[in-house]
Amino acid sequence: MKRALAGLLFPPALHAAPDPAPILAEGAEVQLLADGFKFTEGPAADAAGNVYFTDQPNNRIWKWSTEGKLSLCREPAGRANGLYFDPAGRLIACADEKNELWRLTLPDGAVEVLVKDLGGRRLNGPNDVWVRPDGGLYFTDPFYKRDYWTRGPSELEGQHVYFLAKNAAAPTAVARDLQQPNGLVGSADGRTLYVADIRAQQTWRYASQPDGTLANKFLFCPMGSDGMTLDAAGNLYLTGKGVTVFNSQGTQIGHIPISESWTANVCFGGKDGATLFITAMDSLYAVKTKQQWAR
């Protein structure tokens, strides 16, 4: 996420939020787990509930274990941004340094480049990724100019959402009409995809088809998001100014304030899958909820 845009993306009305009590566990408060990073992003939980997240400017992927221990997973990490685990337990990473999509085998961190370019043209910069139960994956490709790039302007005609089928050689653009797609996540059954157009301040819902194409585009809510996650009840968690929660009908039901100027991303994890992990600026936070991870 390009932090210079942070103050422009969310209308104030969406921050006059309902009390988070319907979302959080009884007596739960947001806890600071770790800080001292430069900019945290991309939290993703493995099958056991361990949470991996990125410190993109410092080029590292970190692990927060279910035992509450922080350890370094990989350095260098391709300036990884969004992360997600595939059904085989491999970590998919949006490797922004060279605008690639990676697959890492843990714990050794061996890297396979899944997407290097599009017909010889560099991607804008894969930002967020979600993997369907069948192994096919969607990723967003917005253009945010990085100070560590040596490249020039975008080599593509737009900023799109792509689908990469399992074992496919190249991705296919499946949403070409968004201004700047950023966060995305799908339902546990693989049939529904949510995509945030952060520049347009909109989040869209689609029906994910077996071939990866998207149908039945529907405006879910008038708010964009940097990252997002779903819980088992179908509630969608969007980020930016704290964490804003919408039910499955697109009605805002809660807001979790975070004491940082920008909240980048969220995921569920922990031993019971009911802890919401939050990356915000230079820190990692967590809070217990009444719901569990949609997995």
C-alpha atoms as a PDB file:
ATOM      1  CA  MET A   1       0.000   0.000   0.000  1.00  0.00           C
ATOM      2  CA  LYS A   2       1.255   3.498  -0.855  1.00  0.00           C
ATOM      3  CA  ARG A   3       1.041   5.303   2.464  1.00  0.00           C
ATOM      4  CA  ALA A   4       0.816   8.770   0.854  1.00  0.00           C
ATOM      5  CA  LEU A   5      -2.757   7.915  -0.135  1.00  0.00           C
ATOM      6  CA  ALA A   6      -3.805   6.768   3.309  1.00  0.00           C
ATOM      7  CA  GLY A   7      -5.760   9.837   4.325  1.00  0.00           C
ATOM      8  CA  LEU A   8      -7.727  10.010   1.079  1.00  0.00           C
ATOM      9  CA  LEU A   9      -9.237   6.576   0.843  1.00  0.00           C
ATOM     10  CA  PHE A  10     -11.992   6.318   3.427  1.00  0.00           C
ATOM     11  CA  PRO A  11     -14.974   8.656   3.881  1.00  0.00           C
ATOM     12  CA  PRO A  12     -15.364   9.795   7.500  1.00  0.00           C
ATOM     13  CA  ALA A  13     -18.899   8.355   7.795  1.00  0.00           C
ATOM     14  CA  LEU A  14     -17.496   4.843   7.729  1.00  0.00           C
ATOM     15  CA  HIS A  15     -15.348   5.611  10.749  1.00  0.00           C
ATOM     16  CA  ALA A  16     -18.274   6.668  12.936  1.00  0.00           C
ATOM     17  CA  ALA A  17     -18.386   2.953  13.602  1.00  0.00           C
ATOM     18  CA  PRO A  18     -20.643   0.794  15.725  1.00  0.00           C
ATOM     19  CA  ASP A  19     -19.246  -0.605  18.938  1.00  0.00           C
ATOM     20  CA  PRO A  20     -17.002  -3.629  18.178  1.00  0.00           C
ATOM     21  CA  ALA A  21     -18.699  -5.684  20.911  1.00  0.00           C
ATOM     22  CA  PRO A  22     -20.631  -7.858  18.403  1.00  0.00           C
ATOM     23  CA  ILE A  23     -17.290  -8.881  16.903  1.00  0.00           C
ATOM     24  CA  LEU A  24     -14.853  -9.172  19.798  1.00  0.00           C
ATOM     25  CA  ALA A  25     -14.760 -11.825  22.498  1.00  0.00           C
ATOM     26  CA  GLU A  26     -16.013 -10.814  25.939  1.00  0.00           C
ATOM     27  CA  GLY A  27     -13.520  -8.425  27.527  1.00  0.00           C
ATOM     28  CA  ALA A  28     -11.111  -8.636  24.590  1.00  0.00           C
ATOM     29  CA  GLU A  29      -8.761  -5.742  23.872  1.00  0.00           C
ATOM     30  CA  VAL A  30      -6.343  -5.162  21.038  1.00  0.00           C
ATOM     31  CA  GLN A  31      -2.858  -6.278  22.085  1.00  0.00           C
ATOM     32  CA  LEU A  32       0.483  -5.147  20.697  1.00  0.00           C
ATOM     33  CA  LEU A  33       2.477  -8.301  19.943  1.00  0.00           C
ATOM     34  CA  ALA A  34       5.620  -6.903  18.324  1.00  0.00           C
ATOM     35  CA  ASP A  35       6.955  -3.630  16.955  1.00  0.00           C
ATOM     36  CA  GLY A  36      10.159  -2.072  15.668  1.00  0.00           C
ATOM     37  CA  PHE A  37       9.560  -3.058  12.049  1.00  0.00           C
ATOM     38  CA  LYS A  38       9.452  -0.519   9.227  1.00  0.00           C
ATOM     39  CA  PHE A  39       6.092  -1.347   7.606  1.00  0.00           C
ATOM     40  CA  THR A  40       4.213  -4.571   8.261  1.00  0.00           C
ATOM     41  CA  GLU A  41       1.970  -6.237   5.693  1.00  0.00           C
ATOM     42  CA  GLY A  42       0.512  -9.464   4.339  1.00  0.00           C
ATOM     43  CA  PRO A  43      -0.398 -11.606   7.386  1.00  0.00           C
ATOM     44  CA  ALA A  44      -1.309 -15.208   6.546  1.00  0.00           C
ATOM     45  CA  ALA A  45      -1.881 -18.211   8.794  1.00  0.00           C
ATOM     46  CA  ASP A  46      -0.756 -21.772   8.118  1.00  0.00           C
ATOM     47  CA  ALA A  47      -2.923 -24.786   8.931  1.00  0.00           C
ATOM     48  CA  ALA A  48      -1.701 -24.842  12.548  1.00  0.00           C
ATOM     49  CA  GLY A  49      -2.499 -21.167  13.091  1.00  0.00           C
ATOM     50  CA  ASN A  50       1.043 -19.772  12.976  1.00  0.00           C
ATOM     51  CA  VAL A  51       0.975 -16.327  11.365  1.00  0.00           C
ATOM     52  CA  TYR A  52       3.506 -15.129   8.810  1.00  0.00           C
ATOM     53  CA  PHE A  53       3.789 -11.457   7.876  1.00  0.00           C
ATOM     54  CA  THR A  54       6.097  -9.203   5.928  1.00  0.00           C
ATOM     55  CA  ASP A  55       8.241  -6.208   6.741  1.00  0.00           C
ATOM     56  CA  GLN A  56       8.398  -5.070   3.151  1.00  0.00           C
ATOM     57  CA  PRO A  57      10.904  -2.175   3.369  1.00  0.00           C
ATOM     58  CA  ASN A  58      13.318  -4.379   5.341  1.00  0.00           C
ATOM     59  CA  ASN A  59      12.816  -7.281   2.896  1.00  0.00           C
ATOM     60  CA  ARG A  60      11.856  -9.888   5.512  1.00  0.00           C
ATOM     61  CA  ILE A  61       9.130 -12.418   6.251  1.00  0.00           C
ATOM     62  CA  TRP A  62       8.469 -13.043   9.941  1.00  0.00           C
ATOM     63  CA  LYS A  63       6.614 -15.789  11.815  1.00  0.00           C
ATOM     64  CA  TRP A  64       4.497 -15.373  14.946  1.00  0.00           C
ATOM     65  CA  SER A  65       3.984 -18.861  16.336  1.00  0.00           C
ATOM     66  CA  THR A  66       0.947 -20.219  18.139  1.00  0.00           C
ATOM     67  CA  GLU A  67       3.201 -20.244  21.223  1.00  0.00           C
ATOM     68  CA  GLY A  68       3.633 -16.485  20.992  1.00  0.00           C
ATOM     69  CA  LYS A  69       7.207 -16.472  19.704  1.00  0.00           C
ATOM     70  CA  LEU A  70       8.576 -14.250  16.940  1.00  0.00           C
ATOM     71  CA  SER A  71      11.167 -15.646  14.519  1.00  0.00           C
ATOM     72  CA  LEU A  72      12.609 -14.661  11.169  1.00  0.00           C
ATOM     73  CA  CYS A  73      11.283 -16.853   8.351  1.00  0.00           C
ATOM     74  CA  ARG A  74      13.148 -15.527   5.326  1.00  0.00           C
ATOM     75  CA  GLU A  75      15.610 -12.765   4.396  1.00  0.00           C
ATOM     76  CA  PRO A  76      15.826 -11.556   1.684  1.00  0.00           C
ATOM     77  CA  ALA A  77      12.170 -12.020   0.803  1.00  0.00           C
ATOM     78  CA  GLY A  78      11.741 -10.387  -2.614  1.00  0.00           C
ATOM     79  CA  ARG A  79      10.221  -7.330  -0.900  1.00  0.00           C
ATOM     80  CA  ALA A  80       7.179  -9.525  -0.293  1.00  0.00           C
ATOM     81  CA  ASN A  81       3.842  -7.842   0.298  1.00  0.00           C
ATOM     82  CA  GLY A  82       0.680 -10.001   0.430  1.00  0.00           C
ATOM     83  CA  LEU A  83       0.961 -13.661   1.482  1.00  0.00           C
ATOM     84  CA  TYR A  84      -1.353 -16.684   1.459  1.00  0.00           C
ATOM     85  CA  PHE A  85      -0.940 -20.429   2.007  1.00  0.00           C
ATOM     86  CA  ASP A  86      -1.983 -22.850  -0.715  1.00  0.00           C
ATOM     87  CA  PRO A  87      -3.726 -26.194   0.061  1.00  0.00           C
ATOM     88  CA  ALA A  88      -0.351 -27.974   0.103  1.00  0.00           C
ATOM     89  CA  GLY A  89       0.996 -25.679   2.821  1.00  0.00           C
ATOM     90  CA  ARG A  90       3.282 -23.659   0.564  1.00  0.00           C
ATOM     91  CA  LEU A  91       3.455 -19.899   1.037  1.00  0.00           C
ATOM     92  CA  ILE A  92       2.450 -17.753  -1.949  1.00  0.00           C
ATOM     93  CA  ALA A  93       4.125 -14.326  -1.862  1.00  0.00           C
ATOM     94  CA  CYS A  94       3.602 -11.157  -3.866  1.00  0.00           C
ATOM     95  CA  ALA A  95       7.291 -10.471  -4.477  1.00  0.00           C
ATOM     96  CA  ASP A  96       7.310  -6.762  -5.250  1.00  0.00           C
ATOM     97  CA  GLU A  97      11.049  -6.318  -5.728  1.00  0.00           C
ATOM     98  CA  LYS A  98      10.959  -7.706  -9.281  1.00  0.00           C
ATOM     99  CA  ASN A  99       7.158  -7.653  -9.691  1.00  0.00           C
ATOM    100  CA  GLU A 100       6.833 -11.435  -9.435  1.00  0.00           C
ATOM    101  CA  LEU A 101       4.651 -14.026  -7.755  1.00  0.00           C
ATOM    102  CA  TRP A 102       6.538 -16.589  -5.662  1.00  0.00           C
ATOM    103  CA  ARG A 103       5.814 -19.941  -4.050  1.00  0.00           C
ATOM    104  CA  LEU A 104       7.920 -20.778  -0.993  1.00  0.00           C
ATOM    105  CA  THR A 105       8.351 -24.206   0.534  1.00  0.00           C
ATOM    106  CA  LEU A 106       8.736 -23.969   4.295  1.00  0.00           C
ATOM    107  CA  PRO A 107      10.624 -24.203   6.552  1.00  0.00           C
ATOM    108  CA  ASP A 108      13.647 -23.925   4.242  1.00  0.00           C
ATOM    109  CA  GLY A 109      12.121 -21.080   2.198  1.00  0.00           C
ATOM    110  CA  ALA A 110      13.037 -22.484  -1.216  1.00  0.00           C
ATOM    111  CA  VAL A 111      11.564 -20.240  -3.907  1.00  0.00           C
ATOM    112  CA  GLU A 112       9.747 -21.082  -7.127  1.00  0.00           C
ATOM    113  CA  VAL A 113       8.782 -18.129  -9.341  1.00  0.00           C
ATOM    114  CA  LEU A 114       5.192 -18.740 -10.448  1.00  0.00           C
ATOM    115  CA  VAL A 115       4.769 -15.552 -12.495  1.00  0.00           C
ATOM    116  CA  LYS A 116       7.730 -13.567 -13.796  1.00  0.00           C
ATOM    117  CA  ASP A 117       6.047 -11.336 -16.378  1.00  0.00           C
ATOM    118  CA  LEU A 118       3.228 -11.139 -18.909  1.00  0.00           C
ATOM    119  CA  GLY A 119       4.600 -11.894 -22.349  1.00  0.00           C
ATOM    120  CA  GLY A 120       7.853 -10.130 -21.539  1.00  0.00           C
ATOM    121  CA  ARG A 121       6.206  -7.127 -19.857  1.00  0.00           C
ATOM    122  CA  ARG A 122       6.663  -6.669 -16.138  1.00  0.00           C
ATOM    123  CA  LEU A 123       3.678  -6.832 -13.855  1.00  0.00           C
ATOM    124  CA  ASN A 124       2.860  -3.575 -12.068  1.00  0.00           C
ATOM    125  CA  GLY A 125       3.580  -5.177  -8.702  1.00  0.00           C
ATOM    126  CA  PRO A 126       1.512  -8.065  -7.294  1.00  0.00           C
ATOM    127  CA  ASN A 127      -0.012  -6.795  -4.075  1.00  0.00           C
ATOM    128  CA  ASP A 128      -2.429  -9.279  -2.533  1.00  0.00           C
ATOM    129  CA  VAL A 129      -3.213 -12.933  -3.245  1.00  0.00           C
ATOM    130  CA  TRP A 130      -5.856 -15.514  -2.356  1.00  0.00           C
ATOM    131  CA  VAL A 131      -5.745 -19.242  -3.174  1.00  0.00           C
ATOM    132  CA  ARG A 132      -8.892 -21.276  -3.912  1.00  0.00           C
ATOM    133  CA  PRO A 133      -9.348 -24.762  -2.450  1.00  0.00           C
ATOM    134  CA  ASP A 134      -8.565 -26.235  -5.891  1.00  0.00           C
ATOM    135  CA  GLY A 135      -5.149 -24.511  -5.986  1.00  0.00           C
ATOM    136  CA  GLY A 136      -6.052 -21.797  -8.483  1.00  0.00           C
ATOM    137  CA  LEU A 137      -5.194 -18.324  -7.241  1.00  0.00           C
ATOM    138  CA  TYR A 138      -6.219 -14.715  -7.715  1.00  0.00           C
ATOM    139  CA  PHE A 139      -3.921 -11.737  -7.266  1.00  0.00           C
ATOM    140  CA  THR A 140      -4.208  -7.972  -7.614  1.00  0.00           C
ATOM    141  CA  ASP A 141      -1.675  -5.971  -9.599  1.00  0.00           C
ATOM    142  CA  PRO A 142      -1.867  -2.251  -8.754  1.00  0.00           C
ATOM    143  CA  PHE A 143       0.945   0.134  -9.614  1.00  0.00           C
ATOM    144  CA  TYR A 144       2.679   1.819  -6.665  1.00  0.00           C
ATOM    145  CA  LYS A 145       6.045   3.264  -7.603  1.00  0.00           C
ATOM    146  CA  ARG A 146       8.694   1.987  -5.156  1.00  0.00           C
ATOM    147  CA  ASP A 147      11.868   3.850  -4.271  1.00  0.00           C
ATOM    148  CA  TYR A 148      13.878   0.614  -4.575  1.00  0.00           C
ATOM    149  CA  TRP A 149      12.830  -0.022  -8.181  1.00  0.00           C
ATOM    150  CA  THR A 150      15.150   0.692 -11.089  1.00  0.00           C
ATOM    151  CA  ARG A 151      12.291   0.276 -13.562  1.00  0.00           C
ATOM    152  CA  GLY A 152      10.295   2.996 -15.295  1.00  0.00           C
ATOM    153  CA  PRO A 153       6.537   3.483 -15.594  1.00  0.00           C
ATOM    154  CA  SER A 154       3.984   0.717 -15.865  1.00  0.00           C
ATOM    155  CA  GLU A 155       4.482  -1.588 -18.847  1.00  0.00           C
ATOM    156  CA  LEU A 156       0.836  -2.707 -18.846  1.00  0.00           C
ATOM    157  CA  GLU A 157      -2.353  -1.051 -20.055  1.00  0.00           C
ATOM    158  CA  GLY A 158      -4.094  -1.129 -16.696  1.00  0.00           C
ATOM    159  CA  GLN A 159      -4.270  -2.359 -13.122  1.00  0.00           C
ATOM    160  CA  HIS A 160      -6.134  -5.648 -13.063  1.00  0.00           C
ATOM    161  CA  VAL A 161      -7.079  -8.744 -11.089  1.00  0.00           C
ATOM    162  CA  TYR A 162      -5.513 -11.953 -12.416  1.00  0.00           C
ATOM    163  CA  PHE A 163      -6.249 -15.663 -12.088  1.00  0.00           C
ATOM    164  CA  LEU A 164      -3.559 -18.342 -12.255  1.00  0.00           C
ATOM    165  CA  ALA A 165      -4.994 -21.831 -12.589  1.00  0.00           C
ATOM    166  CA  LYS A 166      -3.227 -24.694 -10.839  1.00  0.00           C
ATOM    167  CA  ASN A 167      -0.207 -25.744 -12.943  1.00  0.00           C
ATOM    168  CA  ALA A 168      -0.911 -23.003 -15.511  1.00  0.00           C
ATOM    169  CA  ALA A 169       2.033 -21.328 -17.222  1.00  0.00           C
ATOM    170  CA  ALA A 170       0.602 -17.803 -17.199  1.00  0.00           C
ATOM    171  CA  PRO A 171      -2.160 -15.822 -15.476  1.00  0.00           C
ATOM    172  CA  THR A 172      -5.250 -14.368 -17.137  1.00  0.00           C
ATOM    173  CA  ALA A 173      -6.771 -10.978 -16.379  1.00  0.00           C
ATOM    174  CA  VAL A 174     -10.277 -11.547 -15.000  1.00  0.00           C
ATOM    175  CA  ALA A 175     -11.211  -8.018 -13.839  1.00  0.00           C
ATOM    176  CA  ARG A 176     -10.094  -5.156 -16.077  1.00  0.00           C
ATOM    177  CA  ASP A 177     -12.520  -2.409 -15.086  1.00  0.00           C
ATOM    178  CA  LEU A 178     -11.198  -1.430 -11.636  1.00  0.00           C
ATOM    179  CA  GLN A 179      -9.165   1.694 -11.002  1.00  0.00           C
ATOM    180  CA  GLN A 180      -6.696   0.257  -8.479  1.00  0.00           C
ATOM    181  CA  PRO A 181      -7.461  -3.216  -7.119  1.00  0.00           C
ATOM    182  CA  ASN A 182      -5.686  -3.903  -3.850  1.00  0.00           C
ATOM    183  CA  GLY A 183      -6.989  -6.213  -1.114  1.00  0.00           C
ATOM    184  CA  LEU A 184      -8.849  -9.407  -1.969  1.00  0.00           C
ATOM    185  CA  VAL A 185     -10.088 -12.577  -0.304  1.00  0.00           C
ATOM    186  CA  GLY A 186     -12.419 -15.448  -1.119  1.00  0.00           C
ATOM    187  CA  SER A 187     -14.889 -17.679   0.668  1.00  0.00           C
ATOM    188  CA  ALA A 188     -13.875 -21.046   2.103  1.00  0.00           C
ATOM    189  CA  ASP A 189     -15.846 -22.913  -0.580  1.00  0.00           C
ATOM    190  CA  GLY A 190     -14.013 -21.015  -3.332  1.00  0.00           C
ATOM    191  CA  ARG A 191     -17.203 -19.717  -4.911  1.00  0.00           C
ATOM    192  CA  THR A 192     -17.066 -16.052  -3.913  1.00  0.00           C
ATOM    193  CA  LEU A 193     -14.331 -13.445  -4.339  1.00  0.00           C
ATOM    194  CA  TYR A 194     -14.172  -9.987  -2.749  1.00  0.00           C
ATOM    195  CA  VAL A 195     -11.932  -7.330  -4.320  1.00  0.00           C
ATOM    196  CA  ALA A 196     -11.284  -3.818  -3.012  1.00  0.00           C
ATOM    197  CA  ASP A 197     -10.816  -1.011  -5.517  1.00  0.00           C
ATOM    198  CA  ILE A 198      -8.906   1.240  -3.168  1.00  0.00           C
ATOM    199  CA  ARG A 199      -8.810   4.277  -5.417  1.00  0.00           C
ATOM    200  CA  ALA A 200     -12.549   4.154  -6.149  1.00  0.00           C
ATOM    201  CA  GLN A 201     -13.400   3.517  -2.457  1.00  0.00           C
ATOM    202  CA  GLN A 202     -15.413   0.415  -3.350  1.00  0.00           C
ATOM    203  CA  THR A 203     -15.360  -3.280  -2.513  1.00  0.00           C
ATOM    204  CA  TRP A 204     -16.892  -5.668  -5.031  1.00  0.00           C
ATOM    205  CA  ARG A 205     -18.213  -9.202  -4.702  1.00  0.00           C
ATOM    206  CA  TYR A 206     -17.982 -11.724  -7.545  1.00  0.00           C
ATOM    207  CA  ALA A 207     -18.971 -15.299  -8.223  1.00  0.00           C
ATOM    208  CA  SER A 208     -15.789 -17.264  -8.900  1.00  0.00           C
ATOM    209  CA  GLN A 209     -16.337 -19.632 -11.825  1.00  0.00           C
ATOM    210  CA  PRO A 210     -14.590 -23.035 -12.182  1.00  0.00           C
ATOM    211  CA  ASP A 211     -12.341 -21.650 -14.948  1.00  0.00           C
ATOM    212  CA  GLY A 212     -11.364 -18.655 -12.802  1.00  0.00           C
ATOM    213  CA  THR A 213     -13.464 -16.075 -14.604  1.00  0.00           C
ATOM    214  CA  LEU A 214     -15.617 -13.775 -12.494  1.00  0.00           C
ATOM    215  CA  ALA A 215     -19.380 -13.300 -12.789  1.00  0.00           C
ATOM    216  CA  ASN A 216     -22.222 -11.431 -11.060  1.00  0.00           C
ATOM    217  CA  LYS A 217     -20.217  -8.350 -10.100  1.00  0.00           C
ATOM    218  CA  PHE A 218     -21.941  -6.679  -7.147  1.00  0.00           C
ATOM    219  CA  LEU A 219     -21.030  -3.547  -5.169  1.00  0.00           C
ATOM    220  CA  PHE A 220     -20.635  -4.957  -1.663  1.00  0.00           C
ATOM    221  CA  CYS A 221     -19.847  -1.711   0.179  1.00  0.00           C
ATOM    222  CA  PRO A 222     -18.711   1.879  -0.550  1.00  0.00           C
ATOM    223  CA  MET A 223     -15.275   1.472   1.014  1.00  0.00           C
ATOM    224  CA  GLY A 224     -11.896   0.449  -0.296  1.00  0.00           C
ATOM    225  CA  SER A 225      -9.325  -1.584   1.592  1.00  0.00           C
ATOM    226  CA  ASP A 226      -5.625  -2.321   1.710  1.00  0.00           C
ATOM    227  CA  GLY A 227      -6.099  -5.913   2.908  1.00  0.00           C
ATOM    228  CA  MET A 228      -9.036  -8.026   4.055  1.00  0.00           C
ATOM    229  CA  THR A 229     -10.204 -11.281   5.561  1.00  0.00           C
ATOM    230  CA  LEU A 230     -13.407 -13.251   6.159  1.00  0.00           C
ATOM    231  CA  ASP A 231     -14.655 -15.060   9.225  1.00  0.00           C
ATOM    232  CA  ALA A 232     -16.717 -18.250   9.350  1.00  0.00           C
ATOM    233  CA  ALA A 233     -19.959 -16.262   9.691  1.00  0.00           C
ATOM    234  CA  GLY A 234     -19.300 -14.472   6.398  1.00  0.00           C
ATOM    235  CA  ASN A 235     -18.299 -11.142   7.947  1.00  0.00           C
ATOM    236  CA  LEU A 236     -15.752  -9.189   5.900  1.00  0.00           C
ATOM    237  CA  TYR A 237     -12.948  -7.244   7.629  1.00  0.00           C
ATOM    238  CA  LEU A 238     -11.541  -4.242   5.742  1.00  0.00           C
ATOM    239  CA  THR A 239      -8.515  -2.157   6.646  1.00  0.00           C
ATOM    240  CA  GLY A 240      -7.275   1.410   6.445  1.00  0.00           C
ATOM    241  CA  LYS A 241      -8.281   3.468   9.463  1.00  0.00           C
ATOM    242  CA  GLY A 242      -8.401   0.572  11.876  1.00  0.00           C
ATOM    243  CA  VAL A 243     -10.480  -2.482  10.930  1.00  0.00           C
ATOM    244  CA  THR A 244     -14.048  -2.040   9.682  1.00  0.00           C
ATOM    245  CA  VAL A 245     -16.359  -5.071   9.721  1.00  0.00           C
ATOM    246  CA  PHE A 246     -19.314  -5.739   7.419  1.00  0.00           C
ATOM    247  CA  ASN A 247     -21.774  -8.602   7.593  1.00  0.00           C
ATOM    248  CA  SER A 248     -22.518 -10.805   4.588  1.00  0.00           C
ATOM    249  CA  GLN A 249     -25.199  -8.347   3.398  1.00  0.00           C
ATOM    250  CA  GLY A 250     -22.712  -5.463   3.256  1.00  0.00           C
ATOM    251  CA  THR A 251     -23.935  -3.690   6.404  1.00  0.00           C
ATOM    252  CA  GLN A 252     -21.282  -2.286   8.711  1.00  0.00           C
ATOM    253  CA  ILE A 253     -21.508  -4.033  12.083  1.00  0.00           C
ATOM    254  CA  GLY A 254     -18.322  -2.988  13.824  1.00  0.00           C
ATOM    255  CA  HIS A 255     -15.108  -1.018  13.835  1.00  0.00           C
ATOM    256  CA  ILE A 256     -11.908  -1.978  15.666  1.00  0.00           C
ATOM    257  CA  PRO A 257      -9.744   1.111  16.247  1.00  0.00           C
ATOM    258  CA  ILE A 258      -5.984   0.674  15.996  1.00  0.00           C
ATOM    259  CA  SER A 259      -3.602   3.259  17.446  1.00  0.00           C
ATOM    260  CA  GLU A 260      -1.675   3.700  14.205  1.00  0.00           C
ATOM    261  CA  SER A 261      -2.128   6.049  11.262  1.00  0.00           C
ATOM    262  CA  TRP A 262      -2.663   3.155   8.866  1.00  0.00           C
ATOM    263  CA  THR A 263      -3.820  -0.443   9.207  1.00  0.00           C
ATOM    264  CA  ALA A 264      -2.528  -2.478   6.279  1.00  0.00           C
ATOM    265  CA  ASN A 265      -3.884  -6.005   6.551  1.00  0.00           C
ATOM    266  CA  VAL A 266      -5.555  -8.685   8.677  1.00  0.00           C
ATOM    267  CA  CYS A 267      -5.937 -12.439   8.996  1.00  0.00           C
ATOM    268  CA  PHE A 268      -7.315 -14.994  11.419  1.00  0.00           C
ATOM    269  CA  GLY A 269      -4.937 -17.383  13.147  1.00  0.00           C
ATOM    270  CA  GLY A 270      -3.897 -18.850  16.462  1.00  0.00           C
ATOM    271  CA  LYS A 271      -4.571 -22.326  17.822  1.00  0.00           C
ATOM    272  CA  ASP A 272      -8.353 -21.891  17.728  1.00  0.00           C
ATOM    273  CA  GLY A 273      -8.462 -19.725  14.592  1.00  0.00           C
ATOM    274  CA  ALA A 274     -10.409 -17.054  16.494  1.00  0.00           C
ATOM    275  CA  THR A 275      -7.655 -14.459  16.913  1.00  0.00           C
ATOM    276  CA  LEU A 276      -7.559 -11.557  14.466  1.00  0.00           C
ATOM    277  CA  PHE A 277      -3.967 -10.571  13.623  1.00  0.00           C
ATOM    278  CA  ILE A 278      -3.462  -7.013  12.400  1.00  0.00           C
ATOM    279  CA  THR A 279      -0.473  -5.453  10.644  1.00  0.00           C
ATOM    280  CA  ALA A 280      -0.321  -1.687  11.123  1.00  0.00           C
ATOM    281  CA  MET A 281       2.618   0.572  10.336  1.00  0.00           C
ATOM    282  CA  ASP A 282       5.643  -0.768  12.292  1.00  0.00           C
ATOM    283  CA  SER A 283       3.705  -3.243  14.433  1.00  0.00           C
ATOM    284  CA  LEU A 284       1.794  -6.507  14.735  1.00  0.00           C
ATOM    285  CA  TYR A 285      -1.400  -6.539  16.819  1.00  0.00           C
ATOM    286  CA  ALA A 286      -3.964  -9.182  17.767  1.00  0.00           C
ATOM    287  CA  VAL A 287      -7.403  -9.375  19.341  1.00  0.00           C
ATOM    288  CA  LYS A 288      -9.685 -12.265  20.300  1.00  0.00           C
ATOM    289  CA  THR A 289     -13.002 -12.434  18.448  1.00  0.00           C
ATOM    290  CA  LYS A 290     -16.294 -14.297  18.703  1.00  0.00           C
ATOM    291  CA  GLN A 291     -15.801 -15.766  15.250  1.00  0.00           C
ATOM    292  CA  GLN A 292     -13.321 -18.128  13.670  1.00  0.00           C
ATOM    293  CA  TRP A 293     -11.339 -18.151  10.482  1.00  0.00           C
ATOM    294  CA  ALA A 294     -13.303 -19.103   7.356  1.00  0.00           C
ATOM    295  CA  ARG A 295     -11.251 -22.116   6.279  1.00  0.00           C
END
